[in-house]
Amino acid sequence: MALALALILIVVGTLAFHFWSPWWLTPLASNWQAMDDALMLTLVITGAIFVIINLFVAYAVIKFRHRDGVRASAEHGSKKLEWWLIGVTTVGIVIMLAPGLDVYAKLITAPDHAMQFEVMGQQWQWHYRLPGKDGRMGQTDVTHISPENPFGVNAKDPYGQDDVLVDTQEIHIPLDRPVKVLLRSQDVLHDFYVPQFRTRMNMVPGMVTSFWFTPTRTGRFEVMCAQLCGIGHANMRGYVVVEDDAAYAKWLAAQPTFAARMRAGAAGGTGVAAAAAGAGAAGAEGTAAGTAGAGESAPASDTAAQGKLLAQARGCMACHSVDGSPGVGPTWKGLYGKTETLDSGKSAVADDAYLKQSIADPKAAIVRGFPPIMPQQPHTEAELAAMVDYIKTVK
């Protein structure tokens, strides 16, 4: 009897938690109500089966409990019952799978007039690219990736010259316009996920995957990686800002093009940091608001300010705190000039040369107590100098 009562209480408690749970779906902000409908259909079917099975077991425990003078008899095999179970199970699976497959087919079939933007995932950050005035994005290939060209855009492709590069962790899109999202990964498996849009898709190295949606309300929505991609996975976050056409056009006009970035690199500019500074620091500042601590000093020079933007754009803040709190990597608070003990047993002073080497070649001198998981990224000498100047200000 106690077991039967426990099963009944489990059913009642589960239903109560479902209907009064504070952990429910985030408000929908796109056209994909069909996603919620498919999810609810699956939840209803599996929930009904859960209730039926547990109540049946409770009934069986009470009905066929041990009693004096009553002995249960075994019955082996029942073709009628087996066919019923096969039929009901088959119908249930079809009912759950069919809507999901139908919605998925629609999710990857974007309207012809949808605007596009590209997302490139990299441990542990996002990069964005949009077509320029010609409406087409240039060809890309990993062989073209360099410190001046982290997106791998083919410099010989005329369609890529006006491509808009957004190397901060924030992308803007206009309201009520269908958007096709092209997804690439530079290193491992990632997943681009915005809960309010009800859309997500794996980013597979060597492939270009895609989905589409139409944002239905303005706001700033957090992007999360939904595939375990390494120790910094939980910090791989960014934002999608949905705004009206006027605000979007103003933001877009401030973003650098591929050709402008290449010219800046050839002239000795700081690449991503210069592009981010030219685009305005508001987006990058907002992205890193949760990581900037009270111990951080204001950058004392333009170079340090560019280094801060670059650190935010490259995802450094995901692993290195600026307020002294522990993280995946050593905190930057008070790091400059500090003597660090390395895995090799030697010690090193965190001066300009040491910091530049650690950023350019993370596995060259690993600090004891920290895992060697920092990905190596291409940097120009000017970018390294800017980041070191910024680290000097974090006191």
Protein backbone atom coordinates (compact mmCIF):
# COMPACT_ATOMS: atom_id res chain seq x y z
CA MET A 1 0.00 0.00 0.00
CA ALA A 2 2.83 2.38 0.81
CA LEU A 3 4.31 1.86 -2.67
CA ALA A 4 0.96 2.50 -4.36
CA LEU A 5 0.47 5.68 -2.32
CA ALA A 6 3.99 6.86 -3.23
CA LEU A 7 3.27 6.36 -6.96
CA ILE A 8 0.01 8.31 -6.71
CA LEU A 9 1.76 11.16 -4.86
CA ILE A 10 4.47 11.24 -7.55
CA VAL A 11 1.82 11.67 -10.24
CA VAL A 12 -0.01 14.38 -8.30
CA GLY A 13 3.22 16.20 -7.47
CA THR A 14 4.42 16.06 -11.07
CA LEU A 15 1.17 17.51 -12.41
CA ALA A 16 1.17 20.23 -9.76
CA PHE A 17 4.77 21.16 -10.59
CA HIS A 18 3.91 21.27 -14.30
CA PHE A 19 0.95 23.62 -13.94
CA TRP A 20 2.45 25.89 -11.28
CA SER A 21 6.12 25.72 -12.19
CA PRO A 22 8.04 29.04 -12.21
CA TRP A 23 10.41 27.59 -14.85
CA TRP A 24 8.35 27.95 -17.98
CA LEU A 25 9.02 29.03 -21.55
CA THR A 26 10.43 32.50 -22.13
CA PRO A 27 8.03 34.88 -23.94
CA LEU A 28 7.92 34.20 -27.67
CA ALA A 29 9.62 36.88 -29.82
CA SER A 30 9.50 35.36 -33.30
CA ASN A 31 7.13 33.73 -35.77
CA TRP A 32 7.82 30.20 -34.53
CA GLN A 33 4.70 29.53 -32.45
CA ALA A 34 4.75 26.15 -34.25
CA MET A 35 7.82 25.24 -32.19
CA ASP A 36 5.87 25.73 -28.97
CA ASP A 37 2.92 23.79 -30.37
CA ALA A 38 5.12 20.81 -31.33
CA LEU A 39 6.79 20.89 -27.92
CA MET A 40 3.47 21.02 -26.08
CA LEU A 41 2.08 18.14 -28.15
CA THR A 42 5.09 16.00 -27.22
CA LEU A 43 4.78 17.04 -23.58
CA VAL A 44 1.06 16.18 -23.46
CA ILE A 45 1.55 12.73 -25.02
CA THR A 46 4.55 11.75 -22.87
CA GLY A 47 2.88 13.26 -19.79
CA ALA A 48 -0.31 11.25 -20.36
CA ILE A 49 1.71 8.05 -20.78
CA PHE A 50 3.64 8.85 -17.58
CA VAL A 51 0.38 9.32 -15.63
CA ILE A 52 -1.29 6.21 -17.08
CA ILE A 53 1.68 3.90 -16.42
CA ASN A 54 2.21 5.06 -12.84
CA LEU A 55 -1.49 4.89 -11.96
CA PHE A 56 -1.73 1.43 -13.56
CA VAL A 57 1.23 0.21 -11.51
CA ALA A 58 -0.39 1.65 -8.35
CA TYR A 59 -3.66 -0.10 -9.27
CA ALA A 60 -1.83 -3.39 -9.89
CA VAL A 61 -0.01 -3.15 -6.57
CA ILE A 62 -3.35 -2.73 -4.74
CA LYS A 63 -5.39 -5.19 -6.86
CA PHE A 64 -2.87 -8.01 -6.82
CA ARG A 65 -1.35 -7.50 -3.39
CA HIS A 66 -0.62 -10.55 -1.26
CA ARG A 67 -3.63 -11.78 0.70
CA ASP A 68 -4.26 -14.98 2.65
CA GLY A 69 -5.95 -17.61 0.53
CA VAL A 70 -5.37 -15.73 -2.72
CA ARG A 71 -2.62 -16.80 -5.08
CA ALA A 72 -1.77 -15.05 -8.36
CA SER A 73 -1.42 -17.14 -11.49
CA ALA A 74 1.02 -16.33 -14.30
CA GLU A 75 -0.20 -15.94 -17.89
CA HIS A 76 2.47 -16.10 -20.58
CA GLY A 77 1.87 -14.24 -23.83
CA SER A 78 -1.12 -12.29 -25.09
CA LYS A 79 -1.13 -11.55 -28.82
CA LYS A 80 -4.10 -9.23 -28.44
CA LEU A 81 -2.30 -7.14 -25.82
CA GLU A 82 0.91 -7.12 -27.83
CA TRP A 83 -0.85 -5.84 -30.97
CA TRP A 84 -2.60 -3.17 -28.95
CA LEU A 85 0.72 -2.01 -27.46
CA ILE A 86 2.40 -2.00 -30.88
CA GLY A 87 -0.47 -0.04 -32.44
CA VAL A 88 -0.82 2.54 -29.67
CA THR A 89 2.97 3.05 -29.47
CA THR A 90 3.24 3.48 -33.24
CA VAL A 91 0.43 6.03 -33.35
CA GLY A 92 1.95 7.94 -30.43
CA ILE A 93 5.39 8.10 -32.07
CA VAL A 94 3.94 9.27 -35.39
CA ILE A 95 1.88 11.96 -33.66
CA MET A 96 5.03 13.23 -31.88
CA LEU A 97 7.44 13.01 -34.81
CA ALA A 98 5.31 14.26 -37.71
CA PRO A 99 4.74 17.84 -36.43
CA GLY A 100 8.42 18.17 -35.48
CA LEU A 101 9.62 17.03 -38.90
CA ASP A 102 7.16 19.36 -40.60
CA VAL A 103 8.30 22.35 -38.52
CA TYR A 104 11.96 21.49 -39.09
CA ALA A 105 11.44 21.35 -42.87
CA LYS A 106 9.93 24.83 -42.73
CA LEU A 107 12.67 26.09 -40.39
CA ILE A 108 15.45 25.39 -42.92
CA THR A 109 13.47 26.68 -45.93
CA ALA A 110 13.84 30.45 -45.78
CA PRO A 111 11.71 32.84 -47.88
CA ASP A 112 13.41 34.11 -51.04
CA HIS A 113 13.24 37.72 -49.84
CA ALA A 114 14.80 37.04 -46.40
CA MET A 115 17.80 39.14 -45.42
CA GLN A 116 20.91 37.23 -44.35
CA PHE A 117 23.64 37.36 -41.81
CA GLU A 118 26.39 34.89 -41.03
CA VAL A 119 27.52 33.68 -37.63
CA MET A 120 30.94 32.14 -37.09
CA GLY A 121 31.43 30.33 -33.80
CA GLN A 122 34.84 30.06 -32.18
CA GLN A 123 35.83 29.02 -28.68
CA TRP A 124 34.25 30.95 -26.93
CA GLN A 125 32.86 33.85 -28.93
CA TRP A 126 30.66 34.81 -31.86
CA HIS A 127 31.55 36.73 -35.03
CA TYR A 128 29.02 38.17 -37.50
CA ARG A 129 29.07 39.11 -41.17
CA LEU A 130 26.37 40.74 -43.30
CA PRO A 131 26.12 41.40 -47.06
CA GLY A 132 26.99 44.90 -48.23
CA LYS A 133 25.08 47.14 -50.61
CA ASP A 134 25.30 44.54 -53.40
CA GLY A 135 23.17 42.19 -51.29
CA ARG A 136 25.64 39.29 -51.62
CA MET A 137 28.28 37.97 -49.28
CA GLY A 138 31.72 37.11 -50.62
CA GLN A 139 33.20 33.64 -50.68
CA THR A 140 35.07 32.39 -47.62
CA ASP A 141 37.57 29.65 -46.93
CA VAL A 142 39.69 28.66 -43.95
CA THR A 143 42.81 29.07 -46.08
CA HIS A 144 42.17 32.84 -46.18
CA ILE A 145 42.02 33.27 -42.38
CA SER A 146 44.77 35.57 -41.10
CA PRO A 147 45.24 38.25 -38.41
CA GLU A 148 43.88 40.85 -40.86
CA ASN A 149 41.13 38.54 -42.19
CA PRO A 150 39.74 36.39 -39.34
CA PHE A 151 36.53 35.68 -41.30
CA GLY A 152 38.45 34.05 -44.14
CA VAL A 153 36.86 36.23 -46.84
CA ASN A 154 38.35 35.75 -50.31
CA ALA A 155 40.03 39.10 -51.02
CA LYS A 156 39.78 38.44 -54.78
CA ASP A 157 36.01 38.04 -54.72
CA PRO A 158 34.40 41.39 -55.70
CA TYR A 159 31.23 40.50 -53.79
CA GLY A 160 33.19 40.35 -50.54
CA GLN A 161 34.67 43.85 -50.63
CA ASP A 162 31.60 45.53 -49.16
CA ASP A 163 30.75 42.74 -46.71
CA VAL A 164 29.92 44.19 -43.31
CA LEU A 165 32.01 42.71 -40.48
CA VAL A 166 30.70 42.73 -36.91
CA ASP A 167 33.40 41.37 -34.64
CA THR A 168 31.75 42.32 -31.37
CA GLN A 169 29.43 39.95 -29.52
CA GLU A 170 26.28 41.78 -30.63
CA ILE A 171 24.34 41.68 -33.92
CA HIS A 172 21.44 43.99 -34.83
CA ILE A 173 18.49 43.00 -37.03
CA PRO A 174 15.35 44.88 -38.13
CA LEU A 175 11.88 44.18 -36.74
CA ASP A 176 9.29 42.15 -38.67
CA ARG A 177 11.63 41.14 -41.49
CA PRO A 178 12.48 37.48 -42.18
CA VAL A 179 16.13 36.71 -41.46
CA LYS A 180 18.14 33.75 -42.75
CA VAL A 181 21.03 32.84 -40.45
CA LEU A 182 24.06 31.09 -41.97
CA LEU A 183 26.17 29.22 -39.43
CA ARG A 184 29.86 28.25 -39.51
CA SER A 185 32.33 26.97 -36.92
CA GLN A 186 36.03 27.67 -36.90
CA ASP A 187 37.02 24.95 -34.45
CA VAL A 188 34.55 22.59 -32.68
CA LEU A 189 30.82 21.91 -32.61
CA HIS A 190 28.75 24.90 -31.41
CA ASP A 191 25.03 25.70 -31.40
CA PHE A 192 23.51 29.15 -31.95
CA TYR A 193 20.47 29.46 -29.66
CA VAL A 194 18.21 32.38 -28.72
CA PRO A 195 15.43 31.03 -26.43
CA GLN A 196 12.95 33.81 -27.26
CA PHE A 197 13.18 33.04 -30.99
CA ARG A 198 12.57 29.28 -30.44
CA THR A 199 15.25 28.55 -33.01
CA ARG A 200 18.60 26.87 -32.73
CA MET A 201 20.98 25.05 -35.04
CA ASN A 202 24.27 23.18 -34.74
CA MET A 203 27.39 24.79 -36.17
CA VAL A 204 29.50 21.99 -37.63
CA PRO A 205 33.13 22.52 -38.67
CA GLY A 206 33.47 22.27 -42.45
CA MET A 207 29.76 22.86 -43.08
CA VAL A 208 27.38 25.79 -43.49
CA THR A 209 24.06 25.19 -41.74
CA SER A 210 21.11 27.58 -41.69
CA PHE A 211 17.68 28.44 -40.34
CA TRP A 212 15.37 31.45 -40.53
CA PHE A 213 12.97 33.41 -38.36
CA THR A 214 11.07 36.69 -38.25
CA PRO A 215 11.54 38.76 -35.06
CA THR A 216 8.20 40.03 -33.83
CA ARG A 217 9.17 42.39 -31.02
CA THR A 218 12.02 44.74 -30.28
CA GLY A 219 14.51 44.01 -27.54
CA ARG A 220 17.95 42.73 -26.66
CA PHE A 221 17.99 38.94 -26.56
CA GLU A 222 20.82 36.80 -25.23
CA VAL A 223 22.58 34.30 -27.49
CA MET A 224 23.81 31.08 -25.90
CA CYS A 225 25.83 28.15 -27.18
CA ALA A 226 23.72 25.01 -26.76
CA GLN A 227 26.47 22.47 -27.45
CA LEU A 228 29.20 21.69 -24.93
CA CYS A 229 32.23 23.18 -26.68
CA GLY A 230 34.89 23.24 -23.96
CA ILE A 231 35.55 24.56 -20.50
CA GLY A 232 34.47 28.11 -21.43
CA HIS A 233 31.17 26.91 -22.94
CA ALA A 234 28.95 28.55 -20.31
CA ASN A 235 30.52 31.94 -21.04
CA MET A 236 29.99 31.78 -24.81
CA ARG A 237 27.26 34.39 -24.90
CA GLY A 238 26.27 37.40 -26.97
CA TYR A 239 23.19 39.41 -27.95
CA VAL A 240 20.79 39.87 -30.83
CA VAL A 241 19.27 43.36 -30.84
CA VAL A 242 15.93 43.73 -32.64
CA GLU A 243 15.07 47.33 -33.51
CA ASP A 244 13.07 49.44 -35.95
CA ASP A 245 14.30 50.09 -39.49
CA ALA A 246 15.70 53.56 -38.73
CA ALA A 247 17.77 52.41 -35.76
CA TYR A 248 18.98 49.36 -37.69
CA ALA A 249 20.04 51.45 -40.68
CA LYS A 250 21.99 53.81 -38.40
CA TRP A 251 23.77 50.88 -36.71
CA LEU A 252 24.54 49.19 -40.03
CA ALA A 253 26.04 52.35 -41.52
CA ALA A 254 28.52 52.54 -38.63
CA GLN A 255 29.92 49.03 -39.18
CA PRO A 256 33.21 48.57 -41.09
CA THR A 257 33.38 46.76 -44.42
CA PHE A 258 35.87 44.07 -45.34
CA ALA A 259 37.69 46.41 -47.75
CA ALA A 260 37.94 49.15 -45.10
CA ARG A 261 39.26 46.70 -42.57
CA MET A 262 41.91 45.41 -44.97
CA ARG A 263 42.99 48.98 -45.69
CA ALA A 264 43.22 49.69 -41.96
CA GLY A 265 45.31 46.57 -41.45
CA ALA A 266 47.64 47.50 -44.30
CA ALA A 267 48.05 50.97 -42.78
CA GLY A 268 49.06 49.47 -39.43
CA GLY A 269 45.71 49.83 -37.65
CA THR A 270 44.66 47.57 -34.85
CA GLY A 271 42.31 45.50 -36.96
CA VAL A 272 39.35 44.34 -34.95
CA ALA A 273 39.86 46.89 -32.20
CA ALA A 274 39.94 49.76 -34.67
CA ALA A 275 36.87 48.42 -36.44
CA ALA A 276 35.04 48.03 -33.14
CA ALA A 277 36.01 51.51 -32.05
CA GLY A 278 34.82 52.92 -35.36
CA ALA A 279 31.53 51.07 -35.01
CA GLY A 280 30.97 52.48 -31.53
CA ALA A 281 31.77 50.83 -28.24
CA ALA A 282 28.20 50.69 -26.92
CA GLY A 283 27.53 47.15 -28.09
CA ALA A 284 30.78 45.74 -26.79
CA GLU A 285 30.39 47.57 -23.49
CA GLY A 286 26.93 46.08 -23.05
CA THR A 287 28.15 42.61 -23.85
CA ALA A 288 30.87 42.71 -21.23
CA ALA A 289 28.86 44.54 -18.57
CA GLY A 290 28.58 41.41 -16.48
CA THR A 291 32.34 40.82 -16.53
CA ALA A 292 33.69 44.29 -15.81
CA GLY A 293 34.29 44.65 -12.08
CA ALA A 294 34.86 47.46 -9.66
CA GLY A 295 38.60 46.80 -9.74
CA GLU A 296 38.90 47.85 -13.39
CA SER A 297 40.36 51.26 -14.11
CA ALA A 298 39.25 53.34 -17.07
CA PRO A 299 41.58 52.89 -20.05
CA ALA A 300 44.18 55.64 -19.92
CA SER A 301 44.73 55.93 -23.67
CA ASP A 302 43.09 55.32 -27.01
CA THR A 303 45.27 52.25 -27.48
CA ALA A 304 44.14 50.79 -24.15
CA ALA A 305 40.51 51.52 -25.05
CA GLN A 306 40.99 49.69 -28.34
CA GLY A 307 42.60 46.83 -26.44
CA LYS A 308 39.55 46.61 -24.20
CA LEU A 309 37.24 46.45 -27.22
CA LEU A 310 39.43 43.81 -28.79
CA ALA A 311 39.45 41.71 -25.60
CA GLN A 312 35.66 41.88 -25.47
CA ALA A 313 35.30 41.06 -29.16
CA ARG A 314 37.67 38.08 -28.99
CA GLY A 315 35.87 36.58 -25.97
CA CYS A 316 38.80 37.03 -23.56
CA MET A 317 36.41 38.21 -20.83
CA ALA A 318 34.76 34.78 -20.82
CA CYS A 319 37.83 33.31 -19.08
CA HIS A 320 39.77 36.22 -17.57
CA SER A 321 38.05 38.34 -14.95
CA VAL A 322 38.92 41.99 -14.30
CA ASP A 323 37.72 42.11 -10.69
CA GLY A 324 39.94 39.43 -9.17
CA SER A 325 37.27 36.72 -9.16
CA PRO A 326 38.45 33.20 -10.12
CA GLY A 327 37.92 32.07 -13.70
CA VAL A 328 39.07 29.62 -16.32
CA GLY A 329 42.25 31.66 -16.75
CA PRO A 330 44.25 34.00 -14.49
CA THR A 331 42.49 37.21 -13.54
CA TRP A 332 43.73 40.35 -15.23
CA LYS A 333 43.32 42.42 -12.06
CA GLY A 334 46.82 43.40 -10.98
CA LEU A 335 48.35 40.95 -13.45
CA TYR A 336 50.82 43.34 -15.09
CA GLY A 337 54.16 43.19 -13.28
CA LYS A 338 53.11 40.18 -11.19
CA THR A 339 55.42 37.16 -10.88
CA GLU A 340 53.66 33.98 -12.00
CA THR A 341 54.70 30.38 -11.33
CA LEU A 342 54.57 28.27 -14.48
CA ASP A 343 53.78 24.59 -14.94
CA SER A 344 57.44 23.98 -15.70
CA GLY A 345 58.34 25.14 -12.19
CA LYS A 346 59.97 28.32 -13.44
CA SER A 347 58.66 31.80 -12.72
CA ALA A 348 57.97 34.66 -15.08
CA VAL A 349 57.18 38.33 -14.67
CA ALA A 350 54.01 39.43 -16.48
CA ASP A 351 55.64 42.21 -18.46
CA ASP A 352 54.98 43.30 -22.04
CA ALA A 353 57.00 40.50 -23.64
CA TYR A 354 55.45 37.78 -21.46
CA LEU A 355 51.88 38.97 -22.03
CA LYS A 356 52.33 39.29 -25.79
CA GLN A 357 53.77 35.78 -25.96
CA SER A 358 50.94 34.37 -23.81
CA ILE A 359 48.28 35.95 -26.04
CA ALA A 360 49.93 34.97 -29.32
CA ASP A 361 50.98 31.47 -28.20
CA PRO A 362 48.86 30.47 -25.16
CA LYS A 363 50.66 27.15 -24.58
CA ALA A 364 54.16 28.64 -24.52
CA ALA A 365 54.13 29.51 -20.80
CA ILE A 366 51.17 28.05 -18.88
CA VAL A 367 50.50 29.39 -15.39
CA ARG A 368 50.42 26.66 -12.77
CA GLY A 369 46.91 25.71 -11.69
CA PHE A 370 45.21 26.60 -14.98
CA PRO A 371 44.34 24.19 -17.81
CA PRO A 372 46.05 24.67 -21.22
CA ILE A 373 42.79 25.24 -23.07
CA MET A 374 43.11 28.79 -24.41
CA PRO A 375 42.66 28.67 -28.21
CA GLN A 376 45.35 30.25 -30.35
CA GLN A 377 44.08 33.18 -32.42
CA PRO A 378 45.78 35.33 -35.04
CA HIS A 379 46.80 38.80 -33.82
CA THR A 380 48.76 41.60 -35.38
CA GLU A 381 51.60 43.22 -33.42
CA ALA A 382 49.43 46.33 -33.01
CA GLU A 383 46.59 44.26 -31.56
CA LEU A 384 48.92 42.57 -29.07
CA ALA A 385 50.25 45.95 -27.95
CA ALA A 386 46.72 47.32 -27.52
CA MET A 387 45.62 44.37 -25.38
CA VAL A 388 48.72 44.62 -23.19
CA ASP A 389 48.08 48.34 -22.73
CA TYR A 390 44.56 47.52 -21.59
CA ILE A 391 45.75 44.84 -19.14
CA LYS A 392 48.05 47.46 -17.60
CA THR A 393 44.98 49.53 -16.67
CA VAL A 394 43.24 46.67 -14.81
CA LYS A 395 44.48 47.37 -11.28
